[in-house]
């Protein structure tokens, strides 16, 4: 879609998309970790990373599918 509509190469769009997903992941991870540590309970950071990473991956895949679902490029 980026090449046919805005004449932006797909590689550039992909790079910025991946950087955005990584930034979103780190922001959510830091927020969830801070919330969990503020509850004064023992926290396993590895489990939090796995849960947040899996959730972000699933949500991003389904969000992409919903975005291109009705487009002519799907």
C-alpha atoms as a PDB file:
ATOM      1  CA  UNK A   1       0.000   0.000   0.000  1.00  0.00           C
ATOM      2  CA  UNK A   2       2.785   2.436   0.760  1.00  0.00           C
ATOM      3  CA  UNK A   3       4.342   2.093  -2.668  1.00  0.00           C
ATOM      4  CA  UNK A   4       1.089   2.423  -4.602  1.00  0.00           C
ATOM      5  CA  UNK A   5      -0.408   5.259  -2.551  1.00  0.00           C
ATOM      6  CA  UNK A   6       2.448   7.379  -1.188  1.00  0.00           C
ATOM      7  CA  UNK A   7       5.375   6.162  -3.332  1.00  0.00           C
ATOM      8  CA  UNK A   8       7.353   5.205  -0.217  1.00  0.00           C
ATOM      9  CA  UNK A   9       9.426   2.033  -0.553  1.00  0.00           C
ATOM     10  CA  UNK A  10       8.058  -0.846   1.553  1.00  0.00           C
ATOM     11  CA  UNK A  11      11.483  -1.396   3.140  1.00  0.00           C
ATOM     12  CA  UNK A  12      11.428   2.046   4.760  1.00  0.00           C
ATOM     13  CA  UNK A  13       7.881   1.499   5.982  1.00  0.00           C
ATOM     14  CA  UNK A  14       8.864  -1.882   7.419  1.00  0.00           C
ATOM     15  CA  UNK A  15      11.802  -0.423   9.324  1.00  0.00           C
ATOM     16  CA  UNK A  16       9.669   2.258  10.954  1.00  0.00           C
ATOM     17  CA  UNK A  17       6.899  -0.236  11.717  1.00  0.00           C
ATOM     18  CA  UNK A  18       9.319  -2.594  13.476  1.00  0.00           C
ATOM     19  CA  UNK A  19      10.850   0.289  15.432  1.00  0.00           C
ATOM     20  CA  UNK A  20       7.366   1.382  16.504  1.00  0.00           C
ATOM     21  CA  UNK A  21       6.444  -2.116  17.655  1.00  0.00           C
ATOM     22  CA  UNK A  22       9.680  -2.431  19.633  1.00  0.00           C
ATOM     23  CA  UNK A  23       9.125   0.971  21.255  1.00  0.00           C
ATOM     24  CA  UNK A  24       5.559   0.052  22.143  1.00  0.00           C
ATOM     25  CA  UNK A  25       6.725  -3.260  23.608  1.00  0.00           C
ATOM     26  CA  UNK A  26       9.376  -1.616  25.802  1.00  0.00           C
ATOM     27  CA  UNK A  27       6.937   1.045  26.991  1.00  0.00           C
ATOM     28  CA  UNK A  28       4.317  -1.509  27.960  1.00  0.00           C
ATOM     29  CA  UNK A  29       6.933  -3.768  29.547  1.00  0.00           C
ATOM     30  CA  UNK A  30       8.339  -0.941  31.680  1.00  0.00           C
ATOM     31  CA  UNK A  31       4.847   0.126  32.755  1.00  0.00           C
ATOM     32  CA  UNK A  32       3.755  -3.411  33.693  1.00  0.00           C
ATOM     33  CA  UNK A  33       7.025  -4.110  35.500  1.00  0.00           C
ATOM     34  CA  UNK A  34       6.758  -0.877  37.509  1.00  0.00           C
ATOM     35  CA  UNK A  35       3.145  -1.684  38.438  1.00  0.00           C
ATOM     36  CA  UNK A  36       4.066  -5.221  39.510  1.00  0.00           C
ATOM     37  CA  UNK A  37       7.044  -4.073  41.587  1.00  0.00           C
ATOM     38  CA  UNK A  38       5.002  -1.356  43.297  1.00  0.00           C
ATOM     39  CA  UNK A  39       2.694  -3.986  44.808  1.00  0.00           C
ATOM     40  CA  UNK A  40       5.485  -5.154  47.173  1.00  0.00           C
ATOM     41  CA  UNK A  41       5.053  -8.785  46.160  1.00  0.00           C
ATOM     42  CA  UNK A  42       7.738 -11.093  44.777  1.00  0.00           C
ATOM     43  CA  UNK A  43       7.766 -10.658  41.004  1.00  0.00           C
ATOM     44  CA  UNK A  44       9.271 -12.903  38.355  1.00  0.00           C
ATOM     45  CA  UNK A  45      10.397 -10.504  35.630  1.00  0.00           C
ATOM     46  CA  UNK A  46      10.909 -13.331  33.124  1.00  0.00           C
ATOM     47  CA  UNK A  47       7.236 -14.312  33.324  1.00  0.00           C
ATOM     48  CA  UNK A  48       6.196 -10.696  32.861  1.00  0.00           C
ATOM     49  CA  UNK A  49       8.412 -10.381  29.761  1.00  0.00           C
ATOM     50  CA  UNK A  50       6.960 -13.548  28.256  1.00  0.00           C
ATOM     51  CA  UNK A  51       3.365 -12.463  28.934  1.00  0.00           C
ATOM     52  CA  UNK A  52       3.837  -8.925  27.607  1.00  0.00           C
ATOM     53  CA  UNK A  53       5.799 -10.114  24.559  1.00  0.00           C
ATOM     54  CA  UNK A  54       3.238 -12.745  23.645  1.00  0.00           C
ATOM     55  CA  UNK A  55       0.365 -10.318  24.106  1.00  0.00           C
ATOM     56  CA  UNK A  56       2.042  -7.620  21.984  1.00  0.00           C
ATOM     57  CA  UNK A  57       2.847 -10.120  19.227  1.00  0.00           C
ATOM     58  CA  UNK A  58      -0.690 -11.494  19.063  1.00  0.00           C
ATOM     59  CA  UNK A  59      -2.289  -8.047  19.179  1.00  0.00           C
ATOM     60  CA  UNK A  60       0.000  -6.665  16.463  1.00  0.00           C
ATOM     61  CA  UNK A  61      -0.658  -9.618  14.141  1.00  0.00           C
ATOM     62  CA  UNK A  62      -4.427  -9.346  14.540  1.00  0.00           C
ATOM     63  CA  UNK A  63      -4.329  -5.551  14.244  1.00  0.00           C
ATOM     64  CA  UNK A  64      -2.456  -5.800  10.950  1.00  0.00           C
ATOM     65  CA  UNK A  65      -4.965  -8.311   9.654  1.00  0.00           C
ATOM     66  CA  UNK A  66      -7.842  -6.030  10.608  1.00  0.00           C
ATOM     67  CA  UNK A  67      -6.212  -3.043   8.928  1.00  0.00           C
ATOM     68  CA  UNK A  68      -5.695  -4.756   5.550  1.00  0.00           C
ATOM     69  CA  UNK A  69      -8.813  -6.914   5.676  1.00  0.00           C
ATOM     70  CA  UNK A  70     -10.974  -4.781   3.391  1.00  0.00           C
ATOM     71  CA  UNK A  71      -8.295  -3.143   1.288  1.00  0.00           C
ATOM     72  CA  UNK A  72      -7.743  -3.888  -2.378  1.00  0.00           C
ATOM     73  CA  UNK A  73      -4.214  -5.107  -1.529  1.00  0.00           C
ATOM     74  CA  UNK A  74      -5.324  -7.894   0.793  1.00  0.00           C
END
